[in-house]
Amino acid sequence: MFMLERNEEAKAYFELAEAILECELGPQHERTLTARKNIDKIKKTDLGIVPVYRPLWRTAFPKPHPSSKKKKKKKKGKKK
């Protein structure tokens, strides 16, 4: 998860792993210390990333300056 930049999930999994390893292996075991080191690495990264949401709908706004050009009608006549 950390390599995929899914930092919040990675932090949760590392904390869970550290708690389990500490209960089963003890606080000074090599794997427990590795999990704790990974948690410290995650805490150093920027977790303040705010997701960008797309708008649910779009609002149509009128043109600020409507075009005032009108096409002239062509008169039908005979060619000379």
C-alpha atoms as a PDB file:
ATOM      1  CA  MET A   1       0.000   0.000   0.000  1.00  0.00           C
ATOM      2  CA  PHE A   2       2.843   2.375   0.781  1.00  0.00           C
ATOM      3  CA  MET A   3       4.408   1.829  -2.639  1.00  0.00           C
ATOM      4  CA  LEU A   4       1.029   2.514  -4.265  1.00  0.00           C
ATOM      5  CA  GLU A   5       0.879   5.824  -2.339  1.00  0.00           C
ATOM      6  CA  ARG A   6      -2.183   4.663  -0.398  1.00  0.00           C
ATOM      7  CA  ASN A   7      -0.660   6.035   2.780  1.00  0.00           C
ATOM      8  CA  GLU A   8      -3.697   6.008   5.071  1.00  0.00           C
ATOM      9  CA  GLU A   9      -4.318   2.323   4.414  1.00  0.00           C
ATOM     10  CA  ALA A  10      -0.637   1.499   4.737  1.00  0.00           C
ATOM     11  CA  LYS A  11      -0.475   3.255   8.104  1.00  0.00           C
ATOM     12  CA  ALA A  12      -3.492   1.308   9.385  1.00  0.00           C
ATOM     13  CA  TYR A  13      -2.026  -2.028   8.262  1.00  0.00           C
ATOM     14  CA  PHE A  14       1.402  -1.251   9.741  1.00  0.00           C
ATOM     15  CA  GLU A  15      -0.158  -0.295  13.085  1.00  0.00           C
ATOM     16  CA  LEU A  16      -2.196  -3.504  13.113  1.00  0.00           C
ATOM     17  CA  ALA A  17       0.871  -5.571  12.219  1.00  0.00           C
ATOM     18  CA  GLU A  18       2.953  -3.906  14.911  1.00  0.00           C
ATOM     19  CA  ALA A  19       0.310  -4.589  17.574  1.00  0.00           C
ATOM     20  CA  ILE A  20       0.063  -8.260  16.598  1.00  0.00           C
ATOM     21  CA  LEU A  21       3.828  -8.728  16.392  1.00  0.00           C
ATOM     22  CA  GLU A  22       4.360  -7.026  19.742  1.00  0.00           C
ATOM     23  CA  CYS A  23       1.845  -9.350  21.419  1.00  0.00           C
ATOM     24  CA  GLU A  24       3.187 -12.499  19.797  1.00  0.00           C
ATOM     25  CA  LEU A  25       6.940 -11.873  19.512  1.00  0.00           C
ATOM     26  CA  GLY A  26       7.653  -9.109  22.008  1.00  0.00           C
ATOM     27  CA  PRO A  27       8.594  -5.435  21.689  1.00  0.00           C
ATOM     28  CA  GLN A  28      12.305  -6.056  20.962  1.00  0.00           C
ATOM     29  CA  HIS A  29      11.871  -8.629  18.188  1.00  0.00           C
ATOM     30  CA  GLU A  30      13.356  -7.813  14.779  1.00  0.00           C
ATOM     31  CA  ARG A  31      10.048  -7.907  12.912  1.00  0.00           C
ATOM     32  CA  THR A  32       8.290  -5.772  15.526  1.00  0.00           C
ATOM     33  CA  LEU A  33      11.025  -3.168  15.216  1.00  0.00           C
ATOM     34  CA  THR A  34      10.707  -3.258  11.403  1.00  0.00           C
ATOM     35  CA  ALA A  35       6.968  -2.635  11.632  1.00  0.00           C
ATOM     36  CA  ARG A  36       7.610   0.272  14.019  1.00  0.00           C
ATOM     37  CA  LYS A  37      10.218   1.693  11.623  1.00  0.00           C
ATOM     38  CA  ASN A  38       7.705   1.493   8.756  1.00  0.00           C
ATOM     39  CA  ILE A  39       5.145   3.374  10.847  1.00  0.00           C
ATOM     40  CA  ASP A  40       7.722   6.120  11.440  1.00  0.00           C
ATOM     41  CA  LYS A  41       8.405   6.244   7.693  1.00  0.00           C
ATOM     42  CA  ILE A  42       4.687   6.669   6.982  1.00  0.00           C
ATOM     43  CA  LYS A  43       4.379   9.456   9.562  1.00  0.00           C
ATOM     44  CA  LYS A  44       7.119  11.413   7.764  1.00  0.00           C
ATOM     45  CA  THR A  45       5.193  11.395   4.480  1.00  0.00           C
ATOM     46  CA  ASP A  46       2.566  13.992   3.713  1.00  0.00           C
ATOM     47  CA  LEU A  47      -0.807  12.516   4.658  1.00  0.00           C
ATOM     48  CA  GLY A  48      -2.645  15.811   4.202  1.00  0.00           C
ATOM     49  CA  ILE A  49      -3.568  15.098   0.600  1.00  0.00           C
ATOM     50  CA  VAL A  50      -7.179  16.067  -0.048  1.00  0.00           C
ATOM     51  CA  PRO A  51      -8.965  14.068  -2.754  1.00  0.00           C
ATOM     52  CA  VAL A  52     -10.410  15.955  -5.704  1.00  0.00           C
ATOM     53  CA  TYR A  53     -14.086  15.312  -6.345  1.00  0.00           C
ATOM     54  CA  ARG A  54     -15.812  15.870  -9.643  1.00  0.00           C
ATOM     55  CA  PRO A  55     -18.919  18.062  -9.557  1.00  0.00           C
ATOM     56  CA  LEU A  56     -22.182  16.119  -9.491  1.00  0.00           C
ATOM     57  CA  TRP A  57     -23.794  18.362 -12.087  1.00  0.00           C
ATOM     58  CA  ARG A  58     -22.872  21.266 -14.280  1.00  0.00           C
ATOM     59  CA  THR A  59     -24.694  24.574 -14.328  1.00  0.00           C
ATOM     60  CA  ALA A  60     -25.195  26.329 -17.634  1.00  0.00           C
ATOM     61  CA  PHE A  61     -24.477  30.038 -17.543  1.00  0.00           C
ATOM     62  CA  PRO A  62     -25.719  32.471 -20.201  1.00  0.00           C
ATOM     63  CA  LYS A  63     -23.087  34.063 -22.398  1.00  0.00           C
ATOM     64  CA  PRO A  64     -21.904  37.363 -20.924  1.00  0.00           C
ATOM     65  CA  HIS A  65     -22.012  39.097 -24.321  1.00  0.00           C
ATOM     66  CA  PRO A  66     -24.504  37.587 -26.716  1.00  0.00           C
ATOM     67  CA  SER A  67     -23.455  37.927 -30.313  1.00  0.00           C
ATOM     68  CA  SER A  68     -25.328  40.758 -31.984  1.00  0.00           C
ATOM     69  CA  LYS A  69     -24.274  39.975 -35.528  1.00  0.00           C
ATOM     70  CA  LYS A  70     -27.221  39.221 -37.726  1.00  0.00           C
ATOM     71  CA  LYS A  71     -26.931  37.669 -41.131  1.00  0.00           C
ATOM     72  CA  LYS A  72     -28.283  39.671 -44.026  1.00  0.00           C
ATOM     73  CA  LYS A  73     -30.823  37.980 -46.195  1.00  0.00           C
ATOM     74  CA  LYS A  74     -29.848  37.599 -49.815  1.00  0.00           C
ATOM     75  CA  LYS A  75     -32.311  38.910 -52.337  1.00  0.00           C
ATOM     76  CA  LYS A  76     -33.157  36.648 -55.166  1.00  0.00           C
ATOM     77  CA  GLY A  77     -32.872  38.344 -58.450  1.00  0.00           C
ATOM     78  CA  LYS A  78     -31.959  37.825 -62.063  1.00  0.00           C
ATOM     79  CA  LYS A  79     -28.382  37.630 -63.105  1.00  0.00           C
ATOM     80  CA  LYS A  80     -27.236  40.045 -65.769  1.00  0.00           C
END
